[in-house]
Amino acid sequence: MDRRKTEQVTDVLHQFLRLNNLEGPLNEYRLLQAWEEVMGPVVARYTTQKYLTNQTLCVHLTSASLKADLMMRRSEIVKVLNDKVGSIVIYDLVLR
């Protein structure tokens, strides 16, 4: 067995995901799952629905005051979520 071309398992896995166009959907899934962790349990309690469309995260909230507060911090939230995933997945956040 030739061991001169050894690679880390994580590198091989990333190559596989990239070659099979699975990296994007996986990052989108991670971003949706990161919403509760990044925003905290209070915001998660008022979140009824979240989905991605055209690199925009759409979040439905039941509290108007929370929605207004989060709208003011929209660009910060986008940056933190993308940082959490480790890739630029979304460019905008829409709160409904």
PDB file of N, CA and C in Angstrom:
ATOM      1  N   MET A   1       0.843  -1.176   0.000  1.00  0.00           N
ATOM      2  CA  MET A   1       0.000   0.000   0.000  1.00  0.00           C
ATOM      3  C   MET A   1       0.888   1.239   0.000  1.00  0.00           C
ATOM      4  N   ASP A   2       0.656   2.147  -0.920  1.00  0.00           N
ATOM      5  CA  ASP A   2       1.445   3.366  -1.053  1.00  0.00           C
ATOM      6  C   ASP A   2       0.861   4.441  -0.140  1.00  0.00           C
ATOM      7  N   ARG A   3       1.641   4.934   0.813  1.00  0.00           N
ATOM      8  CA  ARG A   3       1.145   5.895   1.789  1.00  0.00           C
ATOM      9  C   ARG A   3       1.719   7.296   1.575  1.00  0.00           C
ATOM     10  N   ARG A   4       2.306   7.517   0.447  1.00  0.00           N
ATOM     11  CA  ARG A   4       2.874   8.840   0.202  1.00  0.00           C
ATOM     12  C   ARG A   4       1.798   9.885  -0.079  1.00  0.00           C
ATOM     13  N   LYS A   5       0.640   9.477  -0.515  1.00  0.00           N
ATOM     14  CA  LYS A   5      -0.436  10.412  -0.835  1.00  0.00           C
ATOM     15  C   LYS A   5      -1.556  10.312   0.203  1.00  0.00           C
ATOM     16  N   THR A   6      -1.220  10.446   1.437  1.00  0.00           N
ATOM     17  CA  THR A   6      -2.233  10.398   2.472  1.00  0.00           C
ATOM     18  C   THR A   6      -2.910  11.752   2.607  1.00  0.00           C
ATOM     19  N   GLU A   7      -4.191  11.708   2.894  1.00  0.00           N
ATOM     20  CA  GLU A   7      -4.991  12.923   3.079  1.00  0.00           C
ATOM     21  C   GLU A   7      -5.861  12.752   4.313  1.00  0.00           C
ATOM     22  N   GLN A   8      -6.201  13.853   4.901  1.00  0.00           N
ATOM     23  CA  GLN A   8      -7.104  13.828   6.049  1.00  0.00           C
ATOM     24  C   GLN A   8      -8.504  13.431   5.574  1.00  0.00           C
ATOM     25  N   VAL A   9      -9.228  12.733   6.418  1.00  0.00           N
ATOM     26  CA  VAL A   9     -10.584  12.306   6.086  1.00  0.00           C
ATOM     27  C   VAL A   9     -11.477  13.522   5.835  1.00  0.00           C
ATOM     28  N   THR A  10     -11.303  14.572   6.616  1.00  0.00           N
ATOM     29  CA  THR A  10     -12.130  15.768   6.422  1.00  0.00           C
ATOM     30  C   THR A  10     -11.876  16.403   5.059  1.00  0.00           C
ATOM     31  N   ASP A  11     -10.622  16.397   4.595  1.00  0.00           N
ATOM     32  CA  ASP A  11     -10.309  16.946   3.278  1.00  0.00           C
ATOM     33  C   ASP A  11     -10.971  16.132   2.170  1.00  0.00           C
ATOM     34  N   VAL A  12     -10.919  14.824   2.293  1.00  0.00           N
ATOM     35  CA  VAL A  12     -11.534  13.942   1.305  1.00  0.00           C
ATOM     36  C   VAL A  12     -13.044  14.140   1.300  1.00  0.00           C
ATOM     37  N   LEU A  13     -13.633  14.271   2.472  1.00  0.00           N
ATOM     38  CA  LEU A  13     -15.074  14.474   2.575  1.00  0.00           C
ATOM     39  C   LEU A  13     -15.483  15.803   1.949  1.00  0.00           C
ATOM     40  N   HIS A  14     -14.720  16.872   2.206  1.00  0.00           N
ATOM     41  CA  HIS A  14     -15.014  18.174   1.601  1.00  0.00           C
ATOM     42  C   HIS A  14     -14.900  18.106   0.074  1.00  0.00           C
ATOM     43  N   GLN A  15     -13.903  17.395  -0.432  1.00  0.00           N
ATOM     44  CA  GLN A  15     -13.757  17.238  -1.881  1.00  0.00           C
ATOM     45  C   GLN A  15     -14.949  16.495  -2.466  1.00  0.00           C
ATOM     46  N   PHE A  16     -15.378  15.434  -1.797  1.00  0.00           N
ATOM     47  CA  PHE A  16     -16.529  14.661  -2.259  1.00  0.00           C
ATOM     48  C   PHE A  16     -17.778  15.522  -2.308  1.00  0.00           C
ATOM     49  N   LEU A  17     -18.026  16.295  -1.246  1.00  0.00           N
ATOM     50  CA  LEU A  17     -19.204  17.152  -1.205  1.00  0.00           C
ATOM     51  C   LEU A  17     -19.158  18.206  -2.307  1.00  0.00           C
ATOM     52  N   ARG A  18     -17.993  18.789  -2.516  1.00  0.00           N
ATOM     53  CA  ARG A  18     -17.840  19.827  -3.542  1.00  0.00           C
ATOM     54  C   ARG A  18     -18.037  19.243  -4.940  1.00  0.00           C
ATOM     55  N   LEU A  19     -17.450  18.092  -5.217  1.00  0.00           N
ATOM     56  CA  LEU A  19     -17.557  17.480  -6.544  1.00  0.00           C
ATOM     57  C   LEU A  19     -18.985  17.045  -6.870  1.00  0.00           C
ATOM     58  N   ASN A  20     -19.751  16.673  -5.866  1.00  0.00           N
ATOM     59  CA  ASN A  20     -21.122  16.209  -6.080  1.00  0.00           C
ATOM     60  C   ASN A  20     -22.168  17.292  -5.816  1.00  0.00           C
ATOM     61  N   ASN A  21     -21.713  18.537  -5.747  1.00  0.00           N
ATOM     62  CA  ASN A  21     -22.605  19.689  -5.528  1.00  0.00           C
ATOM     63  C   ASN A  21     -23.490  19.521  -4.291  1.00  0.00           C
ATOM     64  N   LEU A  22     -22.935  18.973  -3.241  1.00  0.00           N
ATOM     65  CA  LEU A  22     -23.669  18.780  -1.994  1.00  0.00           C
ATOM     66  C   LEU A  22     -23.242  19.760  -0.913  1.00  0.00           C
ATOM     67  N   GLU A  23     -22.202  20.521  -1.164  1.00  0.00           N
ATOM     68  CA  GLU A  23     -21.692  21.443  -0.157  1.00  0.00           C
ATOM     69  C   GLU A  23     -22.688  22.574   0.120  1.00  0.00           C
ATOM     70  N   GLY A  24     -23.306  23.107  -0.933  1.00  0.00           N
ATOM     71  CA  GLY A  24     -24.282  24.192  -0.774  1.00  0.00           C
ATOM     72  C   GLY A  24     -25.492  23.781   0.051  1.00  0.00           C
ATOM     73  N   PRO A  25     -26.165  22.684  -0.316  1.00  0.00           N
ATOM     74  CA  PRO A  25     -27.314  22.253   0.490  1.00  0.00           C
ATOM     75  C   PRO A  25     -26.950  21.913   1.936  1.00  0.00           C
ATOM     76  N   LEU A  26     -25.767  21.369   2.154  1.00  0.00           N
ATOM     77  CA  LEU A  26     -25.341  21.052   3.512  1.00  0.00           C
ATOM     78  C   LEU A  26     -25.141  22.334   4.319  1.00  0.00           C
ATOM     79  N   ASN A  27     -24.515  23.344   3.711  1.00  0.00           N
ATOM     80  CA  ASN A  27     -24.329  24.622   4.398  1.00  0.00           C
ATOM     81  C   ASN A  27     -25.663  25.311   4.674  1.00  0.00           C
ATOM     82  N   GLU A  28     -26.625  25.183   3.751  1.00  0.00           N
ATOM     83  CA  GLU A  28     -27.954  25.756   3.982  1.00  0.00           C
ATOM     84  C   GLU A  28     -28.627  25.082   5.174  1.00  0.00           C
ATOM     85  N   TYR A  29     -28.515  23.772   5.248  1.00  0.00           N
ATOM     86  CA  TYR A  29     -29.081  23.033   6.379  1.00  0.00           C
ATOM     87  C   TYR A  29     -28.425  23.469   7.684  1.00  0.00           C
ATOM     88  N   ARG A  30     -27.107  23.604   7.670  1.00  0.00           N
ATOM     89  CA  ARG A  30     -26.388  24.036   8.877  1.00  0.00           C
ATOM     90  C   ARG A  30     -26.826  25.434   9.312  1.00  0.00           C
ATOM     91  N   LEU A  31     -27.043  26.316   8.345  1.00  0.00           N
ATOM     92  CA  LEU A  31     -27.459  27.672   8.673  1.00  0.00           C
ATOM     93  C   LEU A  31     -28.844  27.670   9.317  1.00  0.00           C
ATOM     94  N   LEU A  32     -29.767  26.905   8.772  1.00  0.00           N
ATOM     95  CA  LEU A  32     -31.104  26.826   9.363  1.00  0.00           C
ATOM     96  C   LEU A  32     -31.048  26.264  10.781  1.00  0.00           C
ATOM     97  N   GLN A  33     -30.196  25.276  10.987  1.00  0.00           N
ATOM     98  CA  GLN A  33     -30.056  24.687  12.313  1.00  0.00           C
ATOM     99  C   GLN A  33     -29.362  25.636  13.285  1.00  0.00           C
ATOM    100  N   ALA A  34     -28.532  26.528  12.775  1.00  0.00           N
ATOM    101  CA  ALA A  34     -27.785  27.462  13.630  1.00  0.00           C
ATOM    102  C   ALA A  34     -28.645  28.615  14.127  1.00  0.00           C
ATOM    103  N   TRP A  35     -29.818  28.831  13.550  1.00  0.00           N
ATOM    104  CA  TRP A  35     -30.685  29.952  13.941  1.00  0.00           C
ATOM    105  C   TRP A  35     -30.953  29.955  15.447  1.00  0.00           C
ATOM    106  N   GLU A  36     -31.395  28.826  15.994  1.00  0.00           N
ATOM    107  CA  GLU A  36     -31.713  28.752  17.418  1.00  0.00           C
ATOM    108  C   GLU A  36     -30.472  28.976  18.286  1.00  0.00           C
ATOM    109  N   GLU A  37     -29.357  28.400  17.878  1.00  0.00           N
ATOM    110  CA  GLU A  37     -28.137  28.531  18.668  1.00  0.00           C
ATOM    111  C   GLU A  37     -27.617  29.968  18.667  1.00  0.00           C
ATOM    112  N   VAL A  38     -27.634  30.604  17.520  1.00  0.00           N
ATOM    113  CA  VAL A  38     -27.120  31.967  17.399  1.00  0.00           C
ATOM    114  C   VAL A  38     -28.063  32.978  18.043  1.00  0.00           C
ATOM    115  N   MET A  39     -29.362  32.825  17.822  1.00  0.00           N
ATOM    116  CA  MET A  39     -30.330  33.814  18.287  1.00  0.00           C
ATOM    117  C   MET A  39     -30.780  33.580  19.727  1.00  0.00           C
ATOM    118  N   GLY A  40     -30.634  32.378  20.215  1.00  0.00           N
ATOM    119  CA  GLY A  40     -30.995  32.087  21.599  1.00  0.00           C
ATOM    120  C   GLY A  40     -32.401  31.531  21.741  1.00  0.00           C
ATOM    121  N   PRO A  41     -32.720  31.034  22.939  1.00  0.00           N
ATOM    122  CA  PRO A  41     -34.004  30.372  23.154  1.00  0.00           C
ATOM    123  C   PRO A  41     -35.209  31.309  23.098  1.00  0.00           C
ATOM    124  N   VAL A  42     -35.030  32.577  23.459  1.00  0.00           N
ATOM    125  CA  VAL A  42     -36.167  33.507  23.445  1.00  0.00           C
ATOM    126  C   VAL A  42     -36.622  33.754  22.012  1.00  0.00           C
ATOM    127  N   VAL A  43     -35.688  34.048  21.132  1.00  0.00           N
ATOM    128  CA  VAL A  43     -36.039  34.275  19.724  1.00  0.00           C
ATOM    129  C   VAL A  43     -36.566  32.985  19.104  1.00  0.00           C
ATOM    130  N   ALA A  44     -35.974  31.863  19.436  1.00  0.00           N
ATOM    131  CA  ALA A  44     -36.419  30.573  18.903  1.00  0.00           C
ATOM    132  C   ALA A  44     -37.867  30.281  19.298  1.00  0.00           C
ATOM    133  N   ARG A  45     -38.262  30.712  20.479  1.00  0.00           N
ATOM    134  CA  ARG A  45     -39.635  30.494  20.942  1.00  0.00           C
ATOM    135  C   ARG A  45     -40.650  31.255  20.089  1.00  0.00           C
ATOM    136  N   TYR A  46     -40.264  32.414  19.574  1.00  0.00           N
ATOM    137  CA  TYR A  46     -41.158  33.232  18.759  1.00  0.00           C
ATOM    138  C   TYR A  46     -41.019  32.951  17.263  1.00  0.00           C
ATOM    139  N   THR A  47     -40.117  32.061  16.889  1.00  0.00           N
ATOM    140  CA  THR A  47     -39.925  31.695  15.487  1.00  0.00           C
ATOM    141  C   THR A  47     -40.878  30.575  15.126  1.00  0.00           C
ATOM    142  N   THR A  48     -41.707  30.812  14.101  1.00  0.00           N
ATOM    143  CA  THR A  48     -42.654  29.778  13.686  1.00  0.00           C
ATOM    144  C   THR A  48     -42.197  29.041  12.443  1.00  0.00           C
ATOM    145  N   GLN A  49     -41.493  29.743  11.565  1.00  0.00           N
ATOM    146  CA  GLN A  49     -41.067  29.119  10.319  1.00  0.00           C
ATOM    147  C   GLN A  49     -39.806  29.820   9.821  1.00  0.00           C
ATOM    148  N   LYS A  50     -38.907  29.041   9.199  1.00  0.00           N
ATOM    149  CA  LYS A  50     -37.707  29.625   8.587  1.00  0.00           C
ATOM    150  C   LYS A  50     -37.352  28.797   7.365  1.00  0.00           C
ATOM    151  N   TYR A  51     -36.966  29.498   6.297  1.00  0.00           N
ATOM    152  CA  TYR A  51     -36.586  28.823   5.060  1.00  0.00           C
ATOM    153  C   TYR A  51     -35.676  29.728   4.247  1.00  0.00           C
ATOM    154  N   LEU A  52     -34.972  29.131   3.296  1.00  0.00           N
ATOM    155  CA  LEU A  52     -34.056  29.858   2.425  1.00  0.00           C
ATOM    156  C   LEU A  52     -34.634  29.944   1.023  1.00  0.00           C
ATOM    157  N   THR A  53     -34.501  31.116   0.428  1.00  0.00           N
ATOM    158  CA  THR A  53     -34.894  31.309  -0.959  1.00  0.00           C
ATOM    159  C   THR A  53     -33.982  32.355  -1.579  1.00  0.00           C
ATOM    160  N   ASN A  54     -33.319  32.002  -2.660  1.00  0.00           N
ATOM    161  CA  ASN A  54     -32.416  32.916  -3.380  1.00  0.00           C
ATOM    162  C   ASN A  54     -31.391  33.562  -2.456  1.00  0.00           C
ATOM    163  N   GLN A  55     -30.738  32.786  -1.649  1.00  0.00           N
ATOM    164  CA  GLN A  55     -29.702  33.233  -0.704  1.00  0.00           C
ATOM    165  C   GLN A  55     -30.228  34.279   0.281  1.00  0.00           C
ATOM    166  N   THR A  56     -31.501  34.162   0.601  1.00  0.00           N
ATOM    167  CA  THR A  56     -32.145  35.018   1.591  1.00  0.00           C
ATOM    168  C   THR A  56     -32.809  34.124   2.622  1.00  0.00           C
ATOM    169  N   LEU A  57     -32.557  34.399   3.889  1.00  0.00           N
ATOM    170  CA  LEU A  57     -33.203  33.661   4.967  1.00  0.00           C
ATOM    171  C   LEU A  57     -34.500  34.369   5.323  1.00  0.00           C
ATOM    172  N   CYS A  58     -35.617  33.668   5.213  1.00  0.00           N
ATOM    173  CA  CYS A  58     -36.929  34.207   5.566  1.00  0.00           C
ATOM    174  C   CYS A  58     -37.349  33.578   6.887  1.00  0.00           C
ATOM    175  N   VAL A  59     -37.684  34.420   7.839  1.00  0.00           N
ATOM    176  CA  VAL A  59     -38.055  33.951   9.173  1.00  0.00           C
ATOM    177  C   VAL A  59     -39.403  34.562   9.548  1.00  0.00           C
ATOM    178  N   HIS A  60     -40.335  33.711   9.964  1.00  0.00           N
ATOM    179  CA  HIS A  60     -41.636  34.171  10.433  1.00  0.00           C
ATOM    180  C   HIS A  60     -41.600  34.239  11.962  1.00  0.00           C
ATOM    181  N   LEU A  61     -41.943  35.398  12.499  1.00  0.00           N
ATOM    182  CA  LEU A  61     -41.945  35.620  13.944  1.00  0.00           C
ATOM    183  C   LEU A  61     -43.343  35.988  14.407  1.00  0.00           C
ATOM    184  N   THR A  62     -43.667  35.636  15.643  1.00  0.00           N
ATOM    185  CA  THR A  62     -44.990  35.935  16.183  1.00  0.00           C
ATOM    186  C   THR A  62     -45.008  37.215  17.006  1.00  0.00           C
ATOM    187  N   SER A  63     -43.868  37.834  17.229  1.00  0.00           N
ATOM    188  CA  SER A  63     -43.788  39.044  18.031  1.00  0.00           C
ATOM    189  C   SER A  63     -43.358  40.229  17.157  1.00  0.00           C
ATOM    190  N   ALA A  64     -44.209  41.238  17.085  1.00  0.00           N
ATOM    191  CA  ALA A  64     -43.912  42.424  16.272  1.00  0.00           C
ATOM    192  C   ALA A  64     -42.741  43.216  16.853  1.00  0.00           C
ATOM    193  N   SER A  65     -42.665  43.321  18.163  1.00  0.00           N
ATOM    194  CA  SER A  65     -41.570  44.082  18.766  1.00  0.00           C
ATOM    195  C   SER A  65     -40.227  43.378  18.559  1.00  0.00           C
ATOM    196  N   LEU A  66     -40.213  42.068  18.639  1.00  0.00           N
ATOM    197  CA  LEU A  66     -38.998  41.309  18.380  1.00  0.00           C
ATOM    198  C   LEU A  66     -38.592  41.463  16.916  1.00  0.00           C
ATOM    199  N   LYS A  67     -39.565  41.432  16.035  1.00  0.00           N
ATOM    200  CA  LYS A  67     -39.296  41.600  14.614  1.00  0.00           C
ATOM    201  C   LYS A  67     -38.646  42.961  14.345  1.00  0.00           C
ATOM    202  N   ALA A  68     -39.157  44.012  14.969  1.00  0.00           N
ATOM    203  CA  ALA A  68     -38.590  45.353  14.793  1.00  0.00           C
ATOM    204  C   ALA A  68     -37.157  45.411  15.326  1.00  0.00           C
ATOM    205  N   ASP A  69     -36.927  44.795  16.455  1.00  0.00           N
ATOM    206  CA  ASP A  69     -35.584  44.776  17.039  1.00  0.00           C
ATOM    207  C   ASP A  69     -34.600  44.041  16.132  1.00  0.00           C
ATOM    208  N   LEU A  70     -35.006  42.895  15.621  1.00  0.00           N
ATOM    209  CA  LEU A  70     -34.121  42.109  14.769  1.00  0.00           C
ATOM    210  C   LEU A  70     -33.896  42.769  13.412  1.00  0.00           C
ATOM    211  N   MET A  71     -34.862  43.525  12.931  1.00  0.00           N
ATOM    212  CA  MET A  71     -34.692  44.233  11.656  1.00  0.00           C
ATOM    213  C   MET A  71     -33.564  45.256  11.746  1.00  0.00           C
ATOM    214  N   MET A  72     -33.400  45.866  12.897  1.00  0.00           N
ATOM    215  CA  MET A  72     -32.334  46.843  13.066  1.00  0.00           C
ATOM    216  C   MET A  72     -30.954  46.177  13.097  1.00  0.00           C
ATOM    217  N   ARG A  73     -30.913  44.908  13.481  1.00  0.00           N
ATOM    218  CA  ARG A  73     -29.636  44.179  13.576  1.00  0.00           C
ATOM    219  C   ARG A  73     -29.478  43.173  12.440  1.00  0.00           C
ATOM    220  N   ARG A  74     -30.202  43.370  11.360  1.00  0.00           N
ATOM    221  CA  ARG A  74     -30.269  42.411  10.261  1.00  0.00           C
ATOM    222  C   ARG A  74     -28.895  42.078   9.675  1.00  0.00           C
ATOM    223  N   SER A  75     -28.096  43.067   9.352  1.00  0.00           N
ATOM    224  CA  SER A  75     -26.794  42.790   8.728  1.00  0.00           C
ATOM    225  C   SER A  75     -25.851  42.067   9.700  1.00  0.00           C
ATOM    226  N   GLU A  76     -25.941  42.400  10.972  1.00  0.00           N
ATOM    227  CA  GLU A  76     -25.129  41.717  11.986  1.00  0.00           C
ATOM    228  C   GLU A  76     -25.526  40.249  12.103  1.00  0.00           C
ATOM    229  N   ILE A  77     -26.822  39.981  12.056  1.00  0.00           N
ATOM    230  CA  ILE A  77     -27.318  38.600  12.155  1.00  0.00           C
ATOM    231  C   ILE A  77     -26.856  37.777  10.963  1.00  0.00           C
ATOM    232  N   VAL A  78     -26.915  38.363   9.765  1.00  0.00           N
ATOM    233  CA  VAL A  78     -26.465  37.669   8.557  1.00  0.00           C
ATOM    234  C   VAL A  78     -24.994  37.304   8.685  1.00  0.00           C
ATOM    235  N   LYS A  79     -24.186  38.229   9.162  1.00  0.00           N
ATOM    236  CA  LYS A  79     -22.753  37.982   9.311  1.00  0.00           C
ATOM    237  C   LYS A  79     -22.489  36.871  10.328  1.00  0.00           C
ATOM    238  N   VAL A  80     -23.163  36.921  11.463  1.00  0.00           N
ATOM    239  CA  VAL A  80     -22.945  35.917  12.508  1.00  0.00           C
ATOM    240  C   VAL A  80     -23.371  34.526  12.023  1.00  0.00           C
ATOM    241  N   LEU A  81     -24.503  34.433  11.326  1.00  0.00           N
ATOM    242  CA  LEU A  81     -24.961  33.137  10.819  1.00  0.00           C
ATOM    243  C   LEU A  81     -23.988  32.582   9.784  1.00  0.00           C
ATOM    244  N   ASN A  82     -23.527  33.424   8.872  1.00  0.00           N
ATOM    245  CA  ASN A  82     -22.552  32.961   7.876  1.00  0.00           C
ATOM    246  C   ASN A  82     -21.251  32.539   8.538  1.00  0.00           C
ATOM    247  N   ASP A  83     -20.810  33.286   9.550  1.00  0.00           N
ATOM    248  CA  ASP A  83     -19.598  32.919  10.277  1.00  0.00           C
ATOM    249  C   ASP A  83     -19.766  31.577  10.981  1.00  0.00           C
ATOM    250  N   LYS A  84     -20.932  31.339  11.518  1.00  0.00           N
ATOM    251  CA  LYS A  84     -21.210  30.085  12.223  1.00  0.00           C
ATOM    252  C   LYS A  84     -21.087  28.888  11.276  1.00  0.00           C
ATOM    253  N   VAL A  85     -21.571  29.068  10.051  1.00  0.00           N
ATOM    254  CA  VAL A  85     -21.509  27.986   9.059  1.00  0.00           C
ATOM    255  C   VAL A  85     -20.111  27.876   8.462  1.00  0.00           C
ATOM    256  N   GLY A  86     -19.406  28.999   8.383  1.00  0.00           N
ATOM    257  CA  GLY A  86     -18.068  28.990   7.816  1.00  0.00           C
ATOM    258  C   GLY A  86     -18.052  29.243   6.321  1.00  0.00           C
ATOM    259  N   SER A  87     -19.160  29.741   5.797  1.00  0.00           N
ATOM    260  CA  SER A  87     -19.274  30.015   4.375  1.00  0.00           C
ATOM    261  C   SER A  87     -20.354  31.068   4.170  1.00  0.00           C
ATOM    262  N   ILE A  88     -20.286  31.791   3.075  1.00  0.00           N
ATOM    263  CA  ILE A  88     -21.342  32.775   2.779  1.00  0.00           C
ATOM    264  C   ILE A  88     -22.500  32.036   2.152  1.00  0.00           C
ATOM    265  N   VAL A  89     -23.551  31.853   2.938  1.00  0.00           N
ATOM    266  CA  VAL A  89     -24.731  31.126   2.492  1.00  0.00           C
ATOM    267  C   VAL A  89     -25.859  32.109   2.171  1.00  0.00           C
ATOM    268  N   ILE A  90     -26.004  33.144   2.985  1.00  0.00           N
ATOM    269  CA  ILE A  90     -27.073  34.119   2.771  1.00  0.00           C
ATOM    270  C   ILE A  90     -26.488  35.523   2.664  1.00  0.00           C
ATOM    271  N   TYR A  91     -27.225  36.365   1.951  1.00  0.00           N
ATOM    272  CA  TYR A  91     -26.849  37.767   1.814  1.00  0.00           C
ATOM    273  C   TYR A  91     -27.858  38.708   2.473  1.00  0.00           C
ATOM    274  N   ASP A  92     -29.038  38.175   2.784  1.00  0.00           N
ATOM    275  CA  ASP A  92     -30.075  39.024   3.352  1.00  0.00           C
ATOM    276  C   ASP A  92     -30.952  38.211   4.300  1.00  0.00           C
ATOM    277  N   LEU A  93     -31.669  38.933   5.144  1.00  0.00           N
ATOM    278  CA  LEU A  93     -32.582  38.348   6.107  1.00  0.00           C
ATOM    279  C   LEU A  93     -33.911  39.076   5.985  1.00  0.00           C
ATOM    280  N   VAL A  94     -34.986  38.324   5.806  1.00  0.00           N
ATOM    281  CA  VAL A  94     -36.324  38.895   5.722  1.00  0.00           C
ATOM    282  C   VAL A  94     -37.117  38.368   6.900  1.00  0.00           C
ATOM    283  N   LEU A  95     -37.705  39.291   7.664  1.00  0.00           N
ATOM    284  CA  LEU A  95     -38.502  38.911   8.835  1.00  0.00           C
ATOM    285  C   LEU A  95     -39.959  39.192   8.526  1.00  0.00           C
ATOM    286  N   ARG A  96     -40.804  38.228   8.782  1.00  0.00           N
ATOM    287  CA  ARG A  96     -42.239  38.371   8.502  1.00  0.00           C
ATOM    288  C   ARG A  96     -43.045  38.060   9.725  1.00  0.00           C
TER     289      ARG A  96
END
